Structure formats: structure tokens, C-alpha cells
């Protein structure tokens, strides 16, 4: 099974925050990510657990890269994100492809659906920038409430060990039409990884400057499984990304597969 990762160092860093400044250039920055490969992997997971959903809700969907492939494959698709700017990019791309996806600007800690869905996803660090355990618990409860009885919740998280290993200090990315400067700081006491980012994007003869600060937290699998259980899920698997192998110390990204427990159906 291939590993559909990013070809650019910056692809991981931009997967955080509300993306007001980054919305216009986000797809350029993550151009090396094989999002179709991500959905291939999800469909392998669905086959493994004999799940055949018709509807998919993608949380923290951004510009639509992880929900548009589902729509292309015939799923009834929904996307939800806190950033109106990112959602607008997603709607434009969807219209250009002649697809139908219902997008909503909403906080993933407090949402509801008008009808149950068969699959809920949250990818590309979407849950890492939920930095409080109680807020992760809120997300899980919302997901459990909107899932159909046999539905699955599939999501990824950057590993604690990977976040803790990132080097502090400034990095500069220079392209002909943009320059991005970001400085990372990792607080090893509370597990937070923060990024202060300044960008300069060409607009005609001038450059538009934007500044954003983003933050991620790593979560241990034992904690996440406990929060899933408390929200009404049974954890079916925790995998080293894009495989069906158990996570290990060198795992960079963990994929979780959870199903609503029978007591909650």
C-alpha cells in the first residue's frame, strides 16, 4: 500500500488554524499530497470492517481536498470547517468539477446533522489543533450523535513523538510569488507545538502580507481511546498511517477507526 504523504515540508505546517491568510495559497502549498491515495486507504479500511456507507461527513474539510474525492466516487458528501475562507475555496472547486457537496461553516466542537451519516472523517491534523481534551471529547460526542448505527469514524492525529521531535526555530520558504517565514516552538511540558507564521503573497505589482499563529497538541493513543469510549465508541483499530500495522515509536501519523458502540445504537 502506498504512503500518500506530502512532497513539501510545509504541507504539514499549514494543516492548522483558521487559514484566513493561507486560504488562497493553501492548495499550492499542499500540491504534493496524494489526497486520492488517502481516500483509497479509507476505502480499504471500510472493506476491512465490512462498512458500506453512502454518505460521508468530513470535519475540518478545508478547501475540500479530503471530501471532493468521495464526491467523485459517488458518495453523498458533506464538508464542515470553521474557516469561511477555506470553505469558499472548496465551493469554487466543487462547482468547477460539477460536483455537489453541502458545505457548512461551523465549529466541529458543536455541530449536528439533519440526518444520520454512514461515515465521518477528520484528516490532515484537523484534530491536533483542538488543543484541550474536553474539546476533543465534545467533537467525539457530536460525531457519535450524527453517525448511523453501523457507521464508522475514521480520523488521523500526528503522533506525540513526532510533534515533540520537531526542531524549534525559524524556517523560510521562498518562491517567485510568495515568501513564508515560520518559527516553531514546542512546549514539552504541555505538549503544545506553536507556529508563528508571516506570509508575503504577490498580488499584481505588490505583495500582500498576512500573519497567523497556529497551535497543535499531540495526544497519546490511550487517551484518545478513552475519550472515544466515553463518547460512545468502540475503537476498532489504531494504525501506523496508510498501513494496517500497529503504531510504534517512529510512527509519524496515527489513523483511528471507531464505531458507535451497541449500547448507543
Protein backbone atom coordinates (compact mmCIF):
# COMPACT_ATOMS: atom_id res chain seq x y z
CA UNK A 1 0.00 0.00 0.00
CA UNK A 2 1.45 3.37 -0.95
CA UNK A 3 2.01 6.13 1.55
CA UNK A 4 0.28 9.26 0.20
CA UNK A 5 2.31 11.83 2.07
CA UNK A 6 3.43 15.36 1.26
CA UNK A 7 6.33 16.19 -1.02
CA UNK A 8 6.79 19.59 0.61
CA UNK A 9 7.98 20.22 4.16
CA UNK A 10 5.39 22.96 4.55
CA UNK A 11 2.42 20.70 3.82
CA UNK A 12 2.31 19.60 7.45
CA UNK A 13 2.65 23.07 8.94
CA UNK A 14 -0.29 24.62 7.11
CA UNK A 15 -2.70 21.99 8.38
CA UNK A 16 -3.65 24.13 11.35
CA UNK A 17 -5.55 27.22 12.33
CA UNK A 18 -8.36 29.15 10.68
CA UNK A 19 -6.43 29.86 7.45
CA UNK A 20 -7.60 33.39 6.79
CA UNK A 21 -4.32 34.34 5.15
CA UNK A 22 -3.47 30.92 3.80
CA UNK A 23 -6.77 30.11 2.09
CA UNK A 24 -5.75 31.50 -1.29
CA UNK A 25 -2.45 29.61 -1.40
CA UNK A 26 -3.25 26.51 0.63
CA UNK A 27 -3.79 24.22 -2.37
CA UNK A 28 -0.49 25.34 -3.86
CA UNK A 29 1.33 24.52 -0.64
CA UNK A 30 -0.17 21.02 -0.35
CA UNK A 31 0.08 20.20 -4.06
CA UNK A 32 2.38 17.28 -3.25
CA UNK A 33 -0.17 15.47 -1.06
CA UNK A 34 -1.88 12.48 -2.69
CA UNK A 35 -5.39 13.04 -1.35
CA UNK A 36 -6.86 10.43 -3.68
CA UNK A 37 -4.46 7.98 -2.06
CA UNK A 38 -5.80 8.98 1.35
CA UNK A 39 -9.31 8.05 0.25
CA UNK A 40 -8.05 4.81 -1.31
CA UNK A 41 -6.75 3.95 2.15
CA UNK A 42 -10.06 4.88 3.77
CA UNK A 43 -11.91 2.61 1.36
CA UNK A 44 -9.50 -0.19 2.28
CA UNK A 45 -10.45 0.40 5.92
CA UNK A 46 -14.15 0.32 5.04
CA UNK A 47 -13.68 -3.04 3.29
CA UNK A 48 -11.72 -4.39 6.25
CA UNK A 49 -14.66 -3.70 8.57
CA UNK A 50 -17.42 -4.53 6.04
CA UNK A 51 -18.77 -0.99 6.12
CA UNK A 52 -20.57 0.35 3.04
CA UNK A 53 -21.59 3.95 3.72
CA UNK A 54 -23.45 6.04 1.18
CA UNK A 55 -22.94 9.35 2.99
CA UNK A 56 -19.72 10.98 4.25
CA UNK A 57 -19.19 13.99 6.51
CA UNK A 58 -15.66 15.41 6.50
CA UNK A 59 -14.77 17.56 9.52
CA UNK A 60 -12.19 20.35 9.20
CA UNK A 61 -12.56 19.85 5.45
CA UNK A 62 -10.60 22.97 4.49
CA UNK A 63 -10.56 23.57 0.73
CA UNK A 64 -12.25 20.22 0.14
CA UNK A 65 -9.24 18.06 -0.67
CA UNK A 66 -10.39 15.19 1.54
CA UNK A 67 -14.10 15.31 0.67
CA UNK A 68 -14.05 16.03 -3.07
CA UNK A 69 -12.56 12.57 -3.82
CA UNK A 70 -15.54 10.99 -2.02
CA UNK A 71 -17.97 13.00 -4.15
CA UNK A 72 -16.12 11.94 -7.29
CA UNK A 73 -16.68 8.32 -6.24
CA UNK A 74 -20.43 8.73 -5.85
CA UNK A 75 -20.83 9.27 -2.11
CA UNK A 76 -23.31 11.84 -0.82
CA UNK A 77 -20.82 14.29 0.65
CA UNK A 78 -20.82 16.93 3.37
CA UNK A 79 -17.97 19.19 4.44
CA UNK A 80 -17.66 21.26 7.60
CA UNK A 81 -14.97 23.77 8.58
CA UNK A 82 -14.58 26.79 10.84
CA UNK A 83 -12.90 28.91 8.15
CA UNK A 84 -15.29 30.67 5.78
CA UNK A 85 -12.35 31.48 3.51
CA UNK A 86 -11.36 27.82 3.16
CA UNK A 87 -14.98 26.76 2.60
CA UNK A 88 -15.31 29.33 -0.19
CA UNK A 89 -12.30 27.79 -1.91
CA UNK A 90 -13.91 24.34 -1.51
CA UNK A 91 -17.20 25.52 -3.00
CA UNK A 92 -15.44 27.05 -6.00
CA UNK A 93 -13.52 23.84 -6.72
CA UNK A 94 -16.67 21.75 -6.33
CA UNK A 95 -18.61 23.92 -8.79
CA UNK A 96 -15.75 23.75 -11.29
CA UNK A 97 -15.90 19.95 -11.20
CA UNK A 98 -19.68 19.83 -11.49
CA UNK A 99 -19.98 18.03 -8.16
CA UNK A 100 -22.49 18.54 -5.34
CA UNK A 101 -21.18 18.79 -1.78
CA UNK A 102 -23.04 20.51 1.03
CA UNK A 103 -20.50 22.71 2.86
CA UNK A 104 -21.12 24.38 6.21
CA UNK A 105 -19.06 26.90 8.17
CA UNK A 106 -19.21 25.51 11.70
CA UNK A 107 -17.11 24.68 14.74
CA UNK A 108 -16.51 20.92 14.84
CA UNK A 109 -16.93 21.01 18.63
CA UNK A 110 -20.61 21.91 18.31
CA UNK A 111 -22.42 20.67 15.24
CA UNK A 112 -25.38 18.49 14.34
CA UNK A 113 -26.71 16.88 11.16
CA UNK A 114 -30.28 16.81 9.91
CA UNK A 115 -29.89 13.13 9.02
CA UNK A 116 -27.50 10.35 10.09
CA UNK A 117 -24.37 9.74 8.02
CA UNK A 118 -22.59 6.46 7.40
CA UNK A 119 -19.02 7.75 7.69
CA UNK A 120 -17.39 10.70 9.47
CA UNK A 121 -13.79 11.64 8.74
CA UNK A 122 -11.32 14.23 10.03
CA UNK A 123 -7.91 14.34 8.37
CA UNK A 124 -4.63 16.16 7.90
CA UNK A 125 -4.14 17.22 11.52
CA UNK A 126 -7.69 18.55 11.92
CA UNK A 127 -7.96 17.21 15.47
CA UNK A 128 -4.41 18.13 16.52
CA UNK A 129 -5.32 21.79 16.63
CA UNK A 130 -8.13 21.03 19.08
CA UNK A 131 -5.78 21.60 21.98
CA UNK A 132 -7.96 20.78 25.01
CA UNK A 133 -9.03 17.28 25.97
CA UNK A 134 -12.52 18.44 26.86
CA UNK A 135 -12.93 19.89 23.38
CA UNK A 136 -11.78 16.65 21.75
CA UNK A 137 -14.48 14.98 23.86
CA UNK A 138 -17.07 17.45 22.51
CA UNK A 139 -16.09 16.62 18.93
CA UNK A 140 -16.42 12.90 19.61
CA UNK A 141 -19.86 13.33 21.17
CA UNK A 142 -21.09 15.34 18.16
CA UNK A 143 -19.75 12.68 15.81
CA UNK A 144 -21.40 9.86 17.75
CA UNK A 145 -24.73 11.70 17.66
CA UNK A 146 -24.72 12.10 13.88
CA UNK A 147 -23.48 8.61 12.93
CA UNK A 148 -25.82 5.94 11.61
CA UNK A 149 -25.93 2.74 13.72
CA UNK A 150 -23.30 0.88 11.68
CA UNK A 151 -21.28 3.94 10.72
CA UNK A 152 -17.57 4.48 11.25
CA UNK A 153 -15.49 7.42 12.44
CA UNK A 154 -12.05 7.49 10.77
CA UNK A 155 -9.51 10.17 11.62
CA UNK A 156 -5.81 10.84 11.95
CA UNK A 157 -3.61 12.51 14.55
CA UNK A 158 0.04 13.50 14.42
CA UNK A 159 1.95 11.38 16.91
CA UNK A 160 3.13 12.92 20.19
CA UNK A 161 6.67 11.69 19.47
CA UNK A 162 6.71 13.41 16.06
CA UNK A 163 5.41 16.73 17.36
CA UNK A 164 7.94 16.58 20.19
CA UNK A 165 10.78 15.93 17.77
CA UNK A 166 10.19 18.95 15.55
CA UNK A 167 13.03 21.44 15.72
CA UNK A 168 12.38 24.88 17.18
CA UNK A 169 13.43 27.96 15.28
CA UNK A 170 12.70 29.92 12.08
CA UNK A 171 12.28 28.47 8.58
CA UNK A 172 11.94 30.46 5.35
CA UNK A 173 10.24 29.24 2.17
CA UNK A 174 10.81 31.43 -0.87
CA UNK A 175 9.00 31.13 -4.20
CA UNK A 176 8.78 33.69 -7.04
CA UNK A 177 5.33 34.86 -5.97
CA UNK A 178 5.37 34.16 -2.25
CA UNK A 179 7.62 34.08 0.80
CA UNK A 180 6.64 32.34 4.01
CA UNK A 181 8.51 32.65 7.29
CA UNK A 182 7.53 30.49 10.21
CA UNK A 183 9.01 29.91 13.63
CA UNK A 184 8.04 26.88 15.66
CA UNK A 185 8.18 26.48 19.42
CA UNK A 186 7.47 23.21 21.22
CA UNK A 187 6.48 23.34 24.88
CA UNK A 188 7.44 19.91 26.14
CA UNK A 189 5.67 20.41 29.47
CA UNK A 190 2.18 20.68 27.99
CA UNK A 191 2.82 19.07 24.58
CA UNK A 192 1.90 22.16 22.58
CA UNK A 193 3.55 22.98 19.25
CA UNK A 194 3.00 26.58 18.13
CA UNK A 195 3.84 28.22 14.81
CA UNK A 196 4.14 31.98 14.28
CA UNK A 197 3.75 32.49 10.54
CA UNK A 198 4.26 35.51 8.31
CA UNK A 199 3.49 35.33 4.61
CA UNK A 200 4.01 37.64 1.63
CA UNK A 201 1.88 36.81 -1.44
CA UNK A 202 2.18 38.62 -4.76
CA UNK A 203 -0.94 40.46 -5.89
CA UNK A 204 -0.07 42.28 -9.11
CA UNK A 205 2.95 44.50 -8.55
CA UNK A 206 2.63 44.37 -4.77
CA UNK A 207 2.84 41.72 -2.06
CA UNK A 208 0.07 41.17 0.48
CA UNK A 209 1.34 40.39 3.97
CA UNK A 210 -0.51 38.21 6.45
CA UNK A 211 0.36 36.94 9.91
CA UNK A 212 -1.15 33.94 11.67
CA UNK A 213 -0.37 31.92 14.79
CA UNK A 214 -1.30 28.26 14.91
CA UNK A 215 -1.05 25.61 17.59
CA UNK A 216 -1.18 21.80 17.68
CA UNK A 217 -1.18 19.28 20.51
CA UNK A 218 -0.22 15.64 20.35
CA UNK A 219 -2.41 13.03 22.04
CA UNK A 220 -1.41 9.55 23.15
CA UNK A 221 -3.49 6.66 21.74
CA UNK A 222 -4.52 5.53 25.23
CA UNK A 223 -6.06 8.95 25.94
CA UNK A 224 -7.86 9.10 22.59
CA UNK A 225 -9.28 5.59 23.02
CA UNK A 226 -10.54 6.56 26.46
CA UNK A 227 -12.25 9.67 25.11
CA UNK A 228 -13.79 7.65 22.29
CA UNK A 229 -15.17 5.12 24.76
CA UNK A 230 -16.63 7.87 26.95
CA UNK A 231 -18.36 9.36 23.91
CA UNK A 232 -19.98 6.04 23.00
CA UNK A 233 -17.47 4.47 20.59
CA UNK A 234 -15.60 1.21 20.40
CA UNK A 235 -12.12 1.57 18.92
CA UNK A 236 -11.64 -0.94 16.10
CA UNK A 237 -8.07 -0.06 15.24
CA UNK A 238 -5.19 2.38 15.63
CA UNK A 239 -2.78 2.12 12.70
CA UNK A 240 0.53 3.46 11.55
CA UNK A 241 -0.63 5.74 8.73
CA UNK A 242 -1.55 4.13 5.41
CA UNK A 243 -0.93 0.61 6.70
CA UNK A 244 -2.71 -1.88 8.92
CA UNK A 245 0.31 -2.14 11.20
CA UNK A 246 0.18 -1.21 14.87
CA UNK A 247 1.51 2.23 15.77
CA UNK A 248 5.09 2.31 17.07
CA UNK A 249 7.60 4.80 18.44
CA UNK A 250 8.62 6.02 15.00
CA UNK A 251 5.05 6.44 13.74
CA UNK A 252 4.53 9.96 12.47
CA UNK A 253 0.77 9.82 11.98
CA UNK A 254 -1.83 7.56 13.60
CA UNK A 255 -5.11 6.56 11.95
CA UNK A 256 -8.05 5.70 14.22
CA UNK A 257 -11.10 3.65 13.31
CA UNK A 258 -14.06 3.78 15.70
CA UNK A 259 -17.65 2.54 15.61
CA UNK A 260 -20.61 3.60 17.69
CA UNK A 261 -20.95 1.06 20.50
CA UNK A 262 -24.02 -1.17 20.57
CA UNK A 263 -25.21 0.46 23.79
CA UNK A 264 -25.57 3.78 21.93
CA UNK A 265 -27.34 2.49 18.80
